[in-house]
Every structure is written in C-alpha cells, then in structure tokens.
C-alpha cells in the first residue's frame, strides 16, 4: 500500500486571511510574542483514503520516528510504501533505521504540490485555523484532527486531489 506522508505546524495565532478596517485606516492585530506550536504528522492511503494522524510537540527526527512507529503498529504485517519529502527529520540516520522494511518514495525537492497531504493540510487549516483564535493550542489541534477525521475516505481523496484526472500518480495507483 502507498501512503502519502506529511506534517503540518499549527500555531496558536491564526493565519489572518480576512480582516476589515475603515477605508484609509490600518487594522491593528495584537500579538503577545509567544506563539504556541504543535505538529501533526499524517499519512493517507492513496487507494482507500484512510488516514492516520499523530500529534507531536515538535517536528524533529524523534517525533517523525514516533510517527513511523505508529504507522508500523497500525499497518502491522503489511508492506508500506511512504511517499515523502526530504525534510531533515525524514532523512536523519535514526529515522531511516526506524523506516527499515518500508519503501521510501522520495519526492523532488521543493515540490509540495506533488504531495496530496500538503493539499489536505491546507484545506483543513482554511476551515479550522484561518481567522480563528482558540483558547489553547490543544483545542486547535483537537478541532483540526476532528475535521480531518470527519471527512469520508472519498472526501479526503477528493479534497487532496488524488481523484483528479490530472493526479500525477493516477496511472500507478490504478494498477
């Protein structure tokens, strides 16, 4: 099975995509200087749309290795091919050792549009995070995960672009 893998950062201060102010006046946005952060690692089966997510405090190699352990546990006994980018947490020697037995399919550098997970993250952040201030970062992560898990498998494949006639791996997945 082929899983698209990716991770995303959530920050307590929302990305501002819309705001208003009186014409000719600048809108003020007050920030405290401390911006809490969490990282969600995720993988989606490119044939079925099933998803697996793991929240972590950071996005370092140890966090990626914990995610790999969760993938290994979840898909025990089945061969897993992971489609992923060359982020340093993915290419660390300890991460490569942790991924032994899995096939790693490396995406070209600077090609987020090729990874369906990046599209899924963006859609989720637009719905959950944009212009919305949560009381805690954990509440924001909970809402984001609730939203991503609430998608049907078909909706996840559609939202991420996998079902598009122009999806770059369409021929490989139909075999």
C-alpha atoms as a PDB file:
ATOM      1  CA  UNK A   1       0.000   0.000   0.000  1.00  0.00           C
ATOM      2  CA  UNK A   2       1.169   3.506  -0.783  1.00  0.00           C
ATOM      3  CA  UNK A   3       0.762   6.160   1.901  1.00  0.00           C
ATOM      4  CA  UNK A   4       1.337   9.856   1.276  1.00  0.00           C
ATOM      5  CA  UNK A   5       3.070  11.237   4.364  1.00  0.00           C
ATOM      6  CA  UNK A   6       3.319  14.808   5.520  1.00  0.00           C
ATOM      7  CA  UNK A   7       3.309  17.005   8.571  1.00  0.00           C
ATOM      8  CA  UNK A   8       1.977  20.422   9.346  1.00  0.00           C
ATOM      9  CA  UNK A   9       2.553  23.034  12.020  1.00  0.00           C
ATOM     10  CA  UNK A  10      -0.347  24.547  13.875  1.00  0.00           C
ATOM     11  CA  UNK A  11       0.259  27.811  15.674  1.00  0.00           C
ATOM     12  CA  UNK A  12      -1.972  29.369  18.277  1.00  0.00           C
ATOM     13  CA  UNK A  13      -2.047  32.735  16.497  1.00  0.00           C
ATOM     14  CA  UNK A  14      -4.248  32.234  13.462  1.00  0.00           C
ATOM     15  CA  UNK A  15      -3.214  32.917   9.903  1.00  0.00           C
ATOM     16  CA  UNK A  16      -5.178  36.043   9.034  1.00  0.00           C
ATOM     17  CA  UNK A  17      -6.811  35.626   5.669  1.00  0.00           C
ATOM     18  CA  UNK A  18      -9.551  38.188   6.067  1.00  0.00           C
ATOM     19  CA  UNK A  19      -9.889  41.342   8.099  1.00  0.00           C
ATOM     20  CA  UNK A  20     -11.536  44.672   7.759  1.00  0.00           C
ATOM     21  CA  UNK A  21     -10.956  48.211   8.785  1.00  0.00           C
ATOM     22  CA  UNK A  22     -12.346  51.575   7.775  1.00  0.00           C
ATOM     23  CA  UNK A  23     -11.137  52.767   4.410  1.00  0.00           C
ATOM     24  CA  UNK A  24      -7.798  54.508   4.794  1.00  0.00           C
ATOM     25  CA  UNK A  25      -7.172  53.078   8.278  1.00  0.00           C
ATOM     26  CA  UNK A  26      -4.830  50.221   9.137  1.00  0.00           C
ATOM     27  CA  UNK A  27      -6.341  47.304  11.057  1.00  0.00           C
ATOM     28  CA  UNK A  28      -4.442  46.524  14.259  1.00  0.00           C
ATOM     29  CA  UNK A  29      -3.591  42.951  15.190  1.00  0.00           C
ATOM     30  CA  UNK A  30      -2.355  42.469  18.758  1.00  0.00           C
ATOM     31  CA  UNK A  31       0.134  39.671  19.392  1.00  0.00           C
ATOM     32  CA  UNK A  32       1.819  38.708  22.647  1.00  0.00           C
ATOM     33  CA  UNK A  33       5.085  37.393  21.222  1.00  0.00           C
ATOM     34  CA  UNK A  34       4.600  33.800  22.447  1.00  0.00           C
ATOM     35  CA  UNK A  35       3.099  31.611  19.775  1.00  0.00           C
ATOM     36  CA  UNK A  36       2.406  28.034  20.892  1.00  0.00           C
ATOM     37  CA  UNK A  37       3.059  25.354  18.270  1.00  0.00           C
ATOM     38  CA  UNK A  38       2.170  21.719  17.661  1.00  0.00           C
ATOM     39  CA  UNK A  39       2.994  19.451  14.750  1.00  0.00           C
ATOM     40  CA  UNK A  40       0.643  16.889  13.276  1.00  0.00           C
ATOM     41  CA  UNK A  41       2.196  14.037  11.325  1.00  0.00           C
ATOM     42  CA  UNK A  42      -0.148  12.255   8.970  1.00  0.00           C
ATOM     43  CA  UNK A  43      -0.409   9.630   6.279  1.00  0.00           C
ATOM     44  CA  UNK A  44      -3.175   8.814   3.824  1.00  0.00           C
ATOM     45  CA  UNK A  45      -3.644   5.600   1.875  1.00  0.00           C
ATOM     46  CA  UNK A  46      -3.737   6.756  -1.746  1.00  0.00           C
ATOM     47  CA  UNK A  47      -6.103   3.964  -2.788  1.00  0.00           C
ATOM     48  CA  UNK A  48      -8.600   3.952   0.077  1.00  0.00           C
ATOM     49  CA  UNK A  49      -8.324   7.425   1.627  1.00  0.00           C
ATOM     50  CA  UNK A  50      -7.901   6.091   5.161  1.00  0.00           C
ATOM     51  CA  UNK A  51      -5.850   8.417   7.298  1.00  0.00           C
ATOM     52  CA  UNK A  52      -3.610   8.168  10.334  1.00  0.00           C
ATOM     53  CA  UNK A  53      -2.581  11.223  12.360  1.00  0.00           C
ATOM     54  CA  UNK A  54      -0.180  11.672  15.273  1.00  0.00           C
ATOM     55  CA  UNK A  55       0.188  14.921  17.217  1.00  0.00           C
ATOM     56  CA  UNK A  56       3.645  15.817  18.462  1.00  0.00           C
ATOM     57  CA  UNK A  57       5.141  18.788  20.306  1.00  0.00           C
ATOM     58  CA  UNK A  58       7.779  19.343  17.615  1.00  0.00           C
ATOM     59  CA  UNK A  59       8.734  18.212  14.140  1.00  0.00           C
ATOM     60  CA  UNK A  60      12.163  16.773  14.843  1.00  0.00           C
ATOM     61  CA  UNK A  61      13.521  13.396  13.849  1.00  0.00           C
ATOM     62  CA  UNK A  62      12.471  11.806  17.166  1.00  0.00           C
ATOM     63  CA  UNK A  63       8.909  12.993  16.514  1.00  0.00           C
ATOM     64  CA  UNK A  64       8.973  11.549  12.994  1.00  0.00           C
ATOM     65  CA  UNK A  65      10.323   8.278  14.376  1.00  0.00           C
ATOM     66  CA  UNK A  66       7.397   8.130  16.831  1.00  0.00           C
ATOM     67  CA  UNK A  67       5.082   8.623  13.866  1.00  0.00           C
ATOM     68  CA  UNK A  68       6.821   5.810  11.955  1.00  0.00           C
ATOM     69  CA  UNK A  69       6.304   3.527  14.952  1.00  0.00           C
ATOM     70  CA  UNK A  70       2.588   4.357  14.889  1.00  0.00           C
ATOM     71  CA  UNK A  71       2.451   3.572  11.143  1.00  0.00           C
ATOM     72  CA  UNK A  72       4.267   0.283  11.739  1.00  0.00           C
ATOM     73  CA  UNK A  73       1.853  -0.625  14.536  1.00  0.00           C
ATOM     74  CA  UNK A  74      -1.245   0.381  12.560  1.00  0.00           C
ATOM     75  CA  UNK A  75      -0.247  -1.498   9.396  1.00  0.00           C
ATOM     76  CA  UNK A  76       1.395  -4.463  11.147  1.00  0.00           C
ATOM     77  CA  UNK A  77       2.189  -7.295   8.753  1.00  0.00           C
ATOM     78  CA  UNK A  78       1.549  -5.273   5.592  1.00  0.00           C
ATOM     79  CA  UNK A  79       4.178  -3.736   3.356  1.00  0.00           C
ATOM     80  CA  UNK A  80       4.076   0.058   3.470  1.00  0.00           C
ATOM     81  CA  UNK A  81       5.472   2.446   0.873  1.00  0.00           C
ATOM     82  CA  UNK A  82       5.711   6.030   2.124  1.00  0.00           C
ATOM     83  CA  UNK A  83       5.638   8.959  -0.292  1.00  0.00           C
ATOM     84  CA  UNK A  84       7.506  11.760   1.485  1.00  0.00           C
ATOM     85  CA  UNK A  85       9.746  14.775   1.043  1.00  0.00           C
ATOM     86  CA  UNK A  86      13.384  15.094   2.052  1.00  0.00           C
ATOM     87  CA  UNK A  87      12.829  17.071   5.234  1.00  0.00           C
ATOM     88  CA  UNK A  88      15.773  16.653   7.593  1.00  0.00           C
ATOM     89  CA  UNK A  89      13.602  14.797  10.138  1.00  0.00           C
ATOM     90  CA  UNK A  90      12.843  12.215   7.414  1.00  0.00           C
ATOM     91  CA  UNK A  91      16.435  11.770   6.242  1.00  0.00           C
ATOM     92  CA  UNK A  92      18.080  11.549   9.679  1.00  0.00           C
ATOM     93  CA  UNK A  93      20.010   8.286  10.107  1.00  0.00           C
ATOM     94  CA  UNK A  94      17.851   7.222  13.064  1.00  0.00           C
ATOM     95  CA  UNK A  95      14.690   7.892  11.030  1.00  0.00           C
ATOM     96  CA  UNK A  96      15.994   5.802   8.138  1.00  0.00           C
ATOM     97  CA  UNK A  97      16.774   2.962  10.566  1.00  0.00           C
ATOM     98  CA  UNK A  98      13.252   3.254  12.028  1.00  0.00           C
ATOM     99  CA  UNK A  99      11.810   3.021   8.489  1.00  0.00           C
ATOM    100  CA  UNK A 100      13.630  -0.244   7.682  1.00  0.00           C
ATOM    101  CA  UNK A 101      11.251  -2.645   5.964  1.00  0.00           C
ATOM    102  CA  UNK A 102       9.246   0.217   4.474  1.00  0.00           C
ATOM    103  CA  UNK A 103       9.766   1.510   0.956  1.00  0.00           C
ATOM    104  CA  UNK A 104      10.512   5.231   0.965  1.00  0.00           C
ATOM    105  CA  UNK A 105       9.449   7.078  -2.188  1.00  0.00           C
ATOM    106  CA  UNK A 106      11.194  10.440  -2.207  1.00  0.00           C
ATOM    107  CA  UNK A 107       9.500  13.455  -3.747  1.00  0.00           C
ATOM    108  CA  UNK A 108      11.648  16.005  -5.581  1.00  0.00           C
ATOM    109  CA  UNK A 109      12.849  18.994  -3.555  1.00  0.00           C
ATOM    110  CA  UNK A 110      10.525  21.970  -3.372  1.00  0.00           C
ATOM    111  CA  UNK A 111       7.507  20.148  -4.763  1.00  0.00           C
ATOM    112  CA  UNK A 112       4.691  20.429  -2.189  1.00  0.00           C
ATOM    113  CA  UNK A 113       2.075  20.309  -4.949  1.00  0.00           C
ATOM    114  CA  UNK A 114       3.037  16.689  -5.613  1.00  0.00           C
ATOM    115  CA  UNK A 115       2.159  15.580  -2.082  1.00  0.00           C
ATOM    116  CA  UNK A 116      -1.597  15.119  -1.545  1.00  0.00           C
ATOM    117  CA  UNK A 117      -1.123  15.548   2.207  1.00  0.00           C
ATOM    118  CA  UNK A 118       0.007  19.145   1.708  1.00  0.00           C
ATOM    119  CA  UNK A 119      -3.275  19.898  -0.056  1.00  0.00           C
ATOM    120  CA  UNK A 120      -5.251  18.163   2.704  1.00  0.00           C
ATOM    121  CA  UNK A 121      -3.409  20.167   5.380  1.00  0.00           C
ATOM    122  CA  UNK A 122      -4.114  23.425   3.559  1.00  0.00           C
ATOM    123  CA  UNK A 123      -7.808  22.675   3.218  1.00  0.00           C
ATOM    124  CA  UNK A 124      -8.018  21.743   6.904  1.00  0.00           C
ATOM    125  CA  UNK A 125      -6.242  24.896   8.025  1.00  0.00           C
ATOM    126  CA  UNK A 126      -8.535  27.035   5.854  1.00  0.00           C
ATOM    127  CA  UNK A 127     -11.591  25.545   7.580  1.00  0.00           C
ATOM    128  CA  UNK A 128     -10.282  25.306  11.156  1.00  0.00           C
ATOM    129  CA  UNK A 129      -7.432  27.753  11.712  1.00  0.00           C
ATOM    130  CA  UNK A 130      -7.793  30.759   9.423  1.00  0.00           C
ATOM    131  CA  UNK A 131      -9.052  33.847  11.251  1.00  0.00           C
ATOM    132  CA  UNK A 132      -9.925  31.805  14.355  1.00  0.00           C
ATOM    133  CA  UNK A 133      -8.264  32.301  17.734  1.00  0.00           C
ATOM    134  CA  UNK A 134      -8.541  29.294  20.062  1.00  0.00           C
ATOM    135  CA  UNK A 135      -8.111  29.389  23.831  1.00  0.00           C
ATOM    136  CA  UNK A 136      -5.300  26.814  23.679  1.00  0.00           C
ATOM    137  CA  UNK A 137      -3.167  25.161  21.028  1.00  0.00           C
ATOM    138  CA  UNK A 138      -4.515  21.775  22.147  1.00  0.00           C
ATOM    139  CA  UNK A 139      -8.073  22.893  21.388  1.00  0.00           C
ATOM    140  CA  UNK A 140      -6.979  23.940  17.915  1.00  0.00           C
ATOM    141  CA  UNK A 141      -5.227  20.596  17.310  1.00  0.00           C
ATOM    142  CA  UNK A 142      -8.335  18.730  18.549  1.00  0.00           C
ATOM    143  CA  UNK A 143     -10.583  20.682  16.170  1.00  0.00           C
ATOM    144  CA  UNK A 144      -8.214  20.184  13.255  1.00  0.00           C
ATOM    145  CA  UNK A 145      -7.999  16.425  13.847  1.00  0.00           C
ATOM    146  CA  UNK A 146     -11.770  16.200  14.337  1.00  0.00           C
ATOM    147  CA  UNK A 147     -12.252  17.916  10.991  1.00  0.00           C
ATOM    148  CA  UNK A 148      -9.735  15.717   9.156  1.00  0.00           C
ATOM    149  CA  UNK A 149     -11.173  12.519  10.643  1.00  0.00           C
ATOM    150  CA  UNK A 150     -14.740  13.669   9.882  1.00  0.00           C
ATOM    151  CA  UNK A 151     -14.035  13.582   6.157  1.00  0.00           C
ATOM    152  CA  UNK A 152     -15.140  10.385   4.484  1.00  0.00           C
ATOM    153  CA  UNK A 153     -12.372   8.481   2.736  1.00  0.00           C
ATOM    154  CA  UNK A 154     -13.787   9.624  -0.606  1.00  0.00           C
ATOM    155  CA  UNK A 155     -13.885  13.261   0.566  1.00  0.00           C
ATOM    156  CA  UNK A 156     -10.260  13.027   1.733  1.00  0.00           C
ATOM    157  CA  UNK A 157      -9.139  11.637  -1.639  1.00  0.00           C
ATOM    158  CA  UNK A 158     -11.160  14.299  -3.457  1.00  0.00           C
ATOM    159  CA  UNK A 159     -10.003  17.184  -1.235  1.00  0.00           C
ATOM    160  CA  UNK A 160      -6.354  16.170  -1.565  1.00  0.00           C
ATOM    161  CA  UNK A 161      -6.561  15.959  -5.367  1.00  0.00           C
ATOM    162  CA  UNK A 162      -5.960  12.207  -5.625  1.00  0.00           C
ATOM    163  CA  UNK A 163      -9.228  11.693  -7.535  1.00  0.00           C
ATOM    164  CA  UNK A 164      -8.382  14.360 -10.094  1.00  0.00           C
ATOM    165  CA  UNK A 165      -7.965  13.163 -13.672  1.00  0.00           C
ATOM    166  CA  UNK A 166      -4.660  15.052 -13.628  1.00  0.00           C
ATOM    167  CA  UNK A 167      -3.265  13.498 -10.430  1.00  0.00           C
ATOM    168  CA  UNK A 168       0.334  12.642 -11.259  1.00  0.00           C
ATOM    169  CA  UNK A 169       0.241   9.123  -9.732  1.00  0.00           C
ATOM    170  CA  UNK A 170      -3.156   8.141 -11.165  1.00  0.00           C
ATOM    171  CA  UNK A 171      -1.733   5.537 -13.594  1.00  0.00           C
ATOM    172  CA  UNK A 172       0.432   3.919 -10.914  1.00  0.00           C
ATOM    173  CA  UNK A 173      -2.473   3.673  -8.459  1.00  0.00           C
ATOM    174  CA  UNK A 174      -4.845   2.089 -10.968  1.00  0.00           C
ATOM    175  CA  UNK A 175      -2.561  -0.970 -11.339  1.00  0.00           C
END
